[in-house]
Amino acid sequence: MPKIKICGLFREQDIEFANEAKPDFIGFVFAKSHRRINPETAALFKKRLNPQITTVGVFVNAEIPLIIELYNSGIINIAQLHGTESEGYITTLKKSCDVPVIKAVNIESTKPPNADYLLFDNGKGGTGKSFDWNLIPKCDKEFFLAGGINLDNIKEAVKLNPYGIDLSSGVENEKGEKDREKIIEACRVVKASLG
C-alpha cells in the first residue's frame, strides 16, 4: 500500500504538523513557488523534523552542485526533479552523489528516465488539479501519484496502489497554507489502508 508525502512545507508550524501526522516523506520546494524556502531555512526545519520522516528536495532545472550540497549536508534525502532535466543530467547527478531521484514525467512519455522513481502529475505539475488516472501507463518503476489529490479523492488514489501519494494544495487552506487537520486526516486515511 502507498506511502504518503506532504509537499511544500515552508512554515515552522508545518514541521510541527508533520511531526504530529508522521507522513513517510515531506517536501521542501527550492524552485519558484509561494512555498519556496532557502537552504538555510530547510536546514533549520530538518533539525526540528522527526528523523523517521524522509525529506525530499523539489527542484526545477537546478544547478547540480546545489542538489549535491543539500544532499551531502543531510538537508534532503531524495531529489525530486520537475523540469526538463535530461537523462544525462540525472546520470551526472547520481554519479556525483548517492541521492535517489524522483523524476516528474508526462503520463504520455514512452521512455521512463533513469531515475529511481517516477512521479505522475497533471501537466508540468504544481497545478493542484487532477488528471485522468486511467491514463497512467504500465511501468516497471515505482511511482508517486500527484496532482489534485485531496480528502475527497485520496481513497481512490490509494486503490491505484502507487508507491507514494503526494499532496500539497490538497492539504492547504484557502490562503495556501498547510492545514493541520487535513494533513492528519490524509495521513490517517492512507495508513488505515495498510490494515
C-alpha atoms as a PDB file:
ATOM      1  CA  MET A   1       0.000   0.000   0.000  1.00  0.00           C
ATOM      2  CA  PRO A   2       1.157   3.560  -0.694  1.00  0.00           C
ATOM      3  CA  LYS A   3       3.369   5.789   1.347  1.00  0.00           C
ATOM      4  CA  ILE A   4       2.351   9.415   1.822  1.00  0.00           C
ATOM      5  CA  LYS A   5       4.267  12.601   1.046  1.00  0.00           C
ATOM      6  CA  ILE A   6       3.259  16.068   2.187  1.00  0.00           C
ATOM      7  CA  CYS A   7       4.979  18.559  -0.084  1.00  0.00           C
ATOM      8  CA  GLY A   8       5.671  22.252   0.173  1.00  0.00           C
ATOM      9  CA  LEU A   9       6.324  22.790   3.873  1.00  0.00           C
ATOM     10  CA  PHE A  10       7.532  26.354   4.358  1.00  0.00           C
ATOM     11  CA  ARG A  11       6.476  27.470   7.852  1.00  0.00           C
ATOM     12  CA  GLU A  12       7.662  26.343  11.277  1.00  0.00           C
ATOM     13  CA  GLN A  13       4.201  25.088  12.169  1.00  0.00           C
ATOM     14  CA  ASP A  14       4.214  22.933   9.026  1.00  0.00           C
ATOM     15  CA  ILE A  15       7.045  20.941  10.574  1.00  0.00           C
ATOM     16  CA  GLU A  16       5.022  20.575  13.774  1.00  0.00           C
ATOM     17  CA  PHE A  17       2.053  19.313  11.761  1.00  0.00           C
ATOM     18  CA  ALA A  18       4.288  16.766  10.008  1.00  0.00           C
ATOM     19  CA  ASN A  19       5.803  15.560  13.264  1.00  0.00           C
ATOM     20  CA  GLU A  20       2.295  15.006  14.593  1.00  0.00           C
ATOM     21  CA  ALA A  21       0.872  13.315  11.484  1.00  0.00           C
ATOM     22  CA  LYS A  22       4.039  11.326  10.650  1.00  0.00           C
ATOM     23  CA  PRO A  23       3.909  11.104   6.835  1.00  0.00           C
ATOM     24  CA  ASP A  24       6.598   8.976   5.200  1.00  0.00           C
ATOM     25  CA  PHE A  25       8.011  11.928   3.246  1.00  0.00           C
ATOM     26  CA  ILE A  26       7.863  15.719   3.321  1.00  0.00           C
ATOM     27  CA  GLY A  27       8.927  18.039   0.535  1.00  0.00           C
ATOM     28  CA  PHE A  28      10.966  21.230   0.611  1.00  0.00           C
ATOM     29  CA  VAL A  29      10.460  23.294  -2.546  1.00  0.00           C
ATOM     30  CA  PHE A  30      13.623  25.005  -3.822  1.00  0.00           C
ATOM     31  CA  ALA A  31      12.030  26.055  -7.118  1.00  0.00           C
ATOM     32  CA  LYS A  32       9.998  29.198  -7.828  1.00  0.00           C
ATOM     33  CA  SER A  33       6.784  28.900  -5.818  1.00  0.00           C
ATOM     34  CA  HIS A  34       4.965  30.613  -2.968  1.00  0.00           C
ATOM     35  CA  ARG A  35       6.092  27.552  -0.980  1.00  0.00           C
ATOM     36  CA  ARG A  36       9.756  28.070  -1.829  1.00  0.00           C
ATOM     37  CA  ILE A  37      12.269  28.026   1.020  1.00  0.00           C
ATOM     38  CA  ASN A  38      16.011  28.655   1.059  1.00  0.00           C
ATOM     39  CA  PRO A  39      18.634  26.102   2.119  1.00  0.00           C
ATOM     40  CA  GLU A  40      19.217  27.815   5.468  1.00  0.00           C
ATOM     41  CA  THR A  41      15.551  27.573   6.432  1.00  0.00           C
ATOM     42  CA  ALA A  42      15.388  23.996   5.196  1.00  0.00           C
ATOM     43  CA  ALA A  43      18.374  23.127   7.384  1.00  0.00           C
ATOM     44  CA  LEU A  44      16.626  24.543  10.469  1.00  0.00           C
ATOM     45  CA  PHE A  45      13.409  22.707   9.623  1.00  0.00           C
ATOM     46  CA  LYS A  46      15.291  19.447   9.074  1.00  0.00           C
ATOM     47  CA  LYS A  47      16.729  19.654  12.595  1.00  0.00           C
ATOM     48  CA  ARG A  48      13.208  20.001  14.016  1.00  0.00           C
ATOM     49  CA  LEU A  49      11.732  17.244  11.869  1.00  0.00           C
ATOM     50  CA  ASN A  50      11.167  13.737  13.191  1.00  0.00           C
ATOM     51  CA  PRO A  51      14.229  11.833  11.885  1.00  0.00           C
ATOM     52  CA  GLN A  52      11.988   8.980  10.707  1.00  0.00           C
ATOM     53  CA  ILE A  53      10.448  11.278   8.071  1.00  0.00           C
ATOM     54  CA  THR A  54      12.339  11.347   4.768  1.00  0.00           C
ATOM     55  CA  THR A  55      12.990  14.783   3.256  1.00  0.00           C
ATOM     56  CA  VAL A  56      12.586  15.397  -0.462  1.00  0.00           C
ATOM     57  CA  GLY A  57      14.004  18.450  -2.226  1.00  0.00           C
ATOM     58  CA  VAL A  58      11.894  19.682  -5.131  1.00  0.00           C
ATOM     59  CA  PHE A  59      13.826  21.293  -7.991  1.00  0.00           C
ATOM     60  CA  VAL A  60      13.205  22.664 -11.480  1.00  0.00           C
ATOM     61  CA  ASN A  61      16.323  22.652 -13.683  1.00  0.00           C
ATOM     62  CA  ALA A  62      18.512  23.431 -10.678  1.00  0.00           C
ATOM     63  CA  GLU A  63      22.280  23.629 -10.765  1.00  0.00           C
ATOM     64  CA  ILE A  64      23.559  20.161  -9.865  1.00  0.00           C
ATOM     65  CA  PRO A  65      26.021  21.441  -7.197  1.00  0.00           C
ATOM     66  CA  LEU A  66      23.067  22.849  -5.211  1.00  0.00           C
ATOM     67  CA  ILE A  67      21.393  19.441  -5.046  1.00  0.00           C
ATOM     68  CA  ILE A  68      24.689  17.754  -4.136  1.00  0.00           C
ATOM     69  CA  GLU A  69      25.301  20.262  -1.331  1.00  0.00           C
ATOM     70  CA  LEU A  70      21.790  19.834   0.103  1.00  0.00           C
ATOM     71  CA  TYR A  71      22.106  16.043  -0.043  1.00  0.00           C
ATOM     72  CA  ASN A  72      25.628  15.821   1.363  1.00  0.00           C
ATOM     73  CA  SER A  73      24.694  18.151   4.225  1.00  0.00           C
ATOM     74  CA  GLY A  74      21.754  15.928   5.129  1.00  0.00           C
ATOM     75  CA  ILE A  75      19.086  18.545   4.454  1.00  0.00           C
ATOM     76  CA  ILE A  76      17.443  16.363   1.796  1.00  0.00           C
ATOM     77  CA  ASN A  77      17.389  12.587   1.379  1.00  0.00           C
ATOM     78  CA  ILE A  78      15.860  12.479  -2.115  1.00  0.00           C
ATOM     79  CA  ALA A  79      15.852  14.858  -5.106  1.00  0.00           C
ATOM     80  CA  GLN A  80      12.578  15.386  -6.985  1.00  0.00           C
ATOM     81  CA  LEU A  81      13.058  16.885 -10.445  1.00  0.00           C
ATOM     82  CA  HIS A  82      10.198  18.771 -12.113  1.00  0.00           C
ATOM     83  CA  GLY A  83      11.907  20.487 -15.004  1.00  0.00           C
ATOM     84  CA  THR A  84      13.327  19.397 -18.326  1.00  0.00           C
ATOM     85  CA  GLU A  85      16.223  17.529 -16.720  1.00  0.00           C
ATOM     86  CA  SER A  86      17.689  15.084 -19.229  1.00  0.00           C
ATOM     87  CA  GLU A  87      18.941  11.535 -18.849  1.00  0.00           C
ATOM     88  CA  GLY A  88      22.455  12.998 -18.866  1.00  0.00           C
ATOM     89  CA  TYR A  89      21.577  15.430 -16.079  1.00  0.00           C
ATOM     90  CA  ILE A  90      20.255  12.597 -13.905  1.00  0.00           C
ATOM     91  CA  THR A  91      23.281  10.421 -14.678  1.00  0.00           C
ATOM     92  CA  THR A  92      25.680  13.233 -13.759  1.00  0.00           C
ATOM     93  CA  LEU A  93      23.787  13.924 -10.542  1.00  0.00           C
ATOM     94  CA  LYS A  94      23.757  10.274  -9.499  1.00  0.00           C
ATOM     95  CA  LYS A  95      27.459   9.860 -10.290  1.00  0.00           C
ATOM     96  CA  SER A  96      28.236  12.869  -8.118  1.00  0.00           C
ATOM     97  CA  CYS A  97      26.388  11.602  -5.038  1.00  0.00           C
ATOM     98  CA  ASP A  98      24.158   8.731  -3.981  1.00  0.00           C
ATOM     99  CA  VAL A  99      20.955  10.779  -3.941  1.00  0.00           C
ATOM    100  CA  PRO A 100      17.842   8.837  -5.019  1.00  0.00           C
ATOM    101  CA  VAL A 101      15.921  10.659  -7.757  1.00  0.00           C
ATOM    102  CA  ILE A 102      12.193  11.104  -8.349  1.00  0.00           C
ATOM    103  CA  LYS A 103      11.504  12.433 -11.862  1.00  0.00           C
ATOM    104  CA  ALA A 104       8.197  14.041 -12.744  1.00  0.00           C
ATOM    105  CA  VAL A 105       7.180  12.784 -16.171  1.00  0.00           C
ATOM    106  CA  ASN A 106       4.357  13.291 -18.615  1.00  0.00           C
ATOM    107  CA  ILE A 107       1.938  10.372 -18.497  1.00  0.00           C
ATOM    108  CA  GLU A 108       2.303  10.114 -22.274  1.00  0.00           C
ATOM    109  CA  SER A 109       6.058   9.612 -22.030  1.00  0.00           C
ATOM    110  CA  THR A 110       7.063   6.300 -23.557  1.00  0.00           C
ATOM    111  CA  LYS A 111      10.592   6.319 -22.228  1.00  0.00           C
ATOM    112  CA  PRO A 112      10.962   6.397 -18.455  1.00  0.00           C
ATOM    113  CA  PRO A 113      14.051   8.285 -17.302  1.00  0.00           C
ATOM    114  CA  ASN A 114      16.953   6.724 -15.453  1.00  0.00           C
ATOM    115  CA  ALA A 115      15.516   7.875 -12.132  1.00  0.00           C
ATOM    116  CA  ASP A 116      14.744   5.726  -9.100  1.00  0.00           C
ATOM    117  CA  TYR A 117      11.061   6.700  -9.040  1.00  0.00           C
ATOM    118  CA  LEU A 118       8.619   8.380 -11.402  1.00  0.00           C
ATOM    119  CA  LEU A 119       6.057  10.999 -10.449  1.00  0.00           C
ATOM    120  CA  PHE A 120       2.850  11.332 -12.434  1.00  0.00           C
ATOM    121  CA  ASP A 121       1.234  14.753 -12.148  1.00  0.00           C
ATOM    122  CA  ASN A 122      -1.073  16.992 -14.141  1.00  0.00           C
ATOM    123  CA  GLY A 123       0.966  18.595 -16.927  1.00  0.00           C
ATOM    124  CA  LYS A 124       4.215  20.019 -15.585  1.00  0.00           C
ATOM    125  CA  GLY A 125       2.937  19.691 -12.040  1.00  0.00           C
ATOM    126  CA  GLY A 126       2.130  22.099  -9.282  1.00  0.00           C
ATOM    127  CA  THR A 127      -1.302  22.908 -10.693  1.00  0.00           C
ATOM    128  CA  GLY A 128      -3.263  21.385  -7.829  1.00  0.00           C
ATOM    129  CA  LYS A 129      -5.541  19.803 -10.426  1.00  0.00           C
ATOM    130  CA  SER A 130      -6.120  16.133 -11.039  1.00  0.00           C
ATOM    131  CA  PHE A 131      -5.853  14.221 -14.299  1.00  0.00           C
ATOM    132  CA  ASP A 132      -7.443  11.063 -15.671  1.00  0.00           C
ATOM    133  CA  TRP A 133      -5.786   8.348 -13.624  1.00  0.00           C
ATOM    134  CA  ASN A 134      -6.857   5.774 -16.207  1.00  0.00           C
ATOM    135  CA  LEU A 135      -4.115   7.233 -18.424  1.00  0.00           C
ATOM    136  CA  ILE A 136      -1.309   6.143 -16.085  1.00  0.00           C
ATOM    137  CA  PRO A 137       0.886   3.844 -18.173  1.00  0.00           C
ATOM    138  CA  LYS A 138       2.079   0.442 -17.112  1.00  0.00           C
ATOM    139  CA  CYS A 139       5.654   0.840 -15.973  1.00  0.00           C
ATOM    140  CA  ASP A 140       8.295  -1.192 -14.201  1.00  0.00           C
ATOM    141  CA  LYS A 141       9.307   1.644 -11.901  1.00  0.00           C
ATOM    142  CA  GLU A 142       7.631   2.563  -8.672  1.00  0.00           C
ATOM    143  CA  PHE A 143       5.775   5.861  -8.955  1.00  0.00           C
ATOM    144  CA  PHE A 144       4.335   8.686  -6.914  1.00  0.00           C
ATOM    145  CA  LEU A 145       0.887   9.999  -7.804  1.00  0.00           C
ATOM    146  CA  ALA A 146       0.327  13.761  -7.511  1.00  0.00           C
ATOM    147  CA  GLY A 147      -1.986  16.422  -8.842  1.00  0.00           C
ATOM    148  CA  GLY A 148      -5.225  17.457  -7.195  1.00  0.00           C
ATOM    149  CA  ILE A 149      -5.267  14.724  -4.554  1.00  0.00           C
ATOM    150  CA  ASN A 150      -7.287  15.772  -1.524  1.00  0.00           C
ATOM    151  CA  LEU A 151      -9.506  14.300   1.173  1.00  0.00           C
ATOM    152  CA  ASP A 152     -12.319  13.795  -1.351  1.00  0.00           C
ATOM    153  CA  ASN A 153     -10.383  11.506  -3.692  1.00  0.00           C
ATOM    154  CA  ILE A 154      -7.472  10.155  -1.645  1.00  0.00           C
ATOM    155  CA  LYS A 155      -9.157   6.781  -1.099  1.00  0.00           C
ATOM    156  CA  GLU A 156      -9.483   6.379  -4.870  1.00  0.00           C
ATOM    157  CA  ALA A 157      -5.805   7.300  -5.257  1.00  0.00           C
ATOM    158  CA  VAL A 158      -4.855   4.606  -2.733  1.00  0.00           C
ATOM    159  CA  LYS A 159      -6.684   1.996  -4.812  1.00  0.00           C
ATOM    160  CA  LEU A 160      -4.292   2.638  -7.711  1.00  0.00           C
ATOM    161  CA  ASN A 161      -1.506   1.290  -5.483  1.00  0.00           C
ATOM    162  CA  PRO A 162       1.194   3.843  -6.314  1.00  0.00           C
ATOM    163  CA  TYR A 163       4.433   3.695  -4.366  1.00  0.00           C
ATOM    164  CA  GLY A 164       3.538   7.068  -2.868  1.00  0.00           C
ATOM    165  CA  ILE A 165       0.735   9.619  -2.795  1.00  0.00           C
ATOM    166  CA  ASP A 166       1.934  13.221  -2.999  1.00  0.00           C
ATOM    167  CA  LEU A 167      -0.229  16.003  -1.567  1.00  0.00           C
ATOM    168  CA  SER A 168       0.352  19.732  -1.388  1.00  0.00           C
ATOM    169  CA  SER A 169      -2.578  22.061  -2.114  1.00  0.00           C
ATOM    170  CA  GLY A 170      -4.961  19.252  -1.145  1.00  0.00           C
ATOM    171  CA  VAL A 171      -3.924  19.695   2.493  1.00  0.00           C
ATOM    172  CA  GLU A 172      -3.939  23.513   2.482  1.00  0.00           C
ATOM    173  CA  ASN A 173      -6.461  26.143   3.485  1.00  0.00           C
ATOM    174  CA  GLU A 174      -7.836  28.883   1.236  1.00  0.00           C
ATOM    175  CA  LYS A 175      -4.757  31.012   1.994  1.00  0.00           C
ATOM    176  CA  GLY A 176      -2.411  28.401   0.524  1.00  0.00           C
ATOM    177  CA  GLU A 177      -1.083  27.386   3.942  1.00  0.00           C
ATOM    178  CA  LYS A 178      -0.815  23.860   5.277  1.00  0.00           C
ATOM    179  CA  ASP A 179      -3.830  22.798   7.338  1.00  0.00           C
ATOM    180  CA  ARG A 180      -3.102  20.665  10.402  1.00  0.00           C
ATOM    181  CA  GLU A 181      -6.396  18.762  10.384  1.00  0.00           C
ATOM    182  CA  LYS A 182      -6.213  17.997   6.674  1.00  0.00           C
ATOM    183  CA  ILE A 183      -2.644  16.697   6.979  1.00  0.00           C
ATOM    184  CA  ILE A 184      -3.533  14.487   9.930  1.00  0.00           C
ATOM    185  CA  GLU A 185      -6.640  13.125   8.196  1.00  0.00           C
ATOM    186  CA  ALA A 186      -4.831  12.443   4.911  1.00  0.00           C
ATOM    187  CA  CYS A 187      -2.106  10.525   6.736  1.00  0.00           C
ATOM    188  CA  ARG A 188      -4.727   8.626   8.728  1.00  0.00           C
ATOM    189  CA  VAL A 189      -6.622   7.585   5.576  1.00  0.00           C
ATOM    190  CA  VAL A 190      -3.507   6.292   3.818  1.00  0.00           C
ATOM    191  CA  LYS A 191      -2.192   4.478   6.889  1.00  0.00           C
ATOM    192  CA  ALA A 192      -5.625   2.931   7.515  1.00  0.00           C
ATOM    193  CA  SER A 193      -5.382   1.408   4.042  1.00  0.00           C
ATOM    194  CA  LEU A 194      -2.373  -0.571   5.243  1.00  0.00           C
ATOM    195  CA  GLY A 195      -4.618  -2.581   7.528  1.00  0.00           C
END
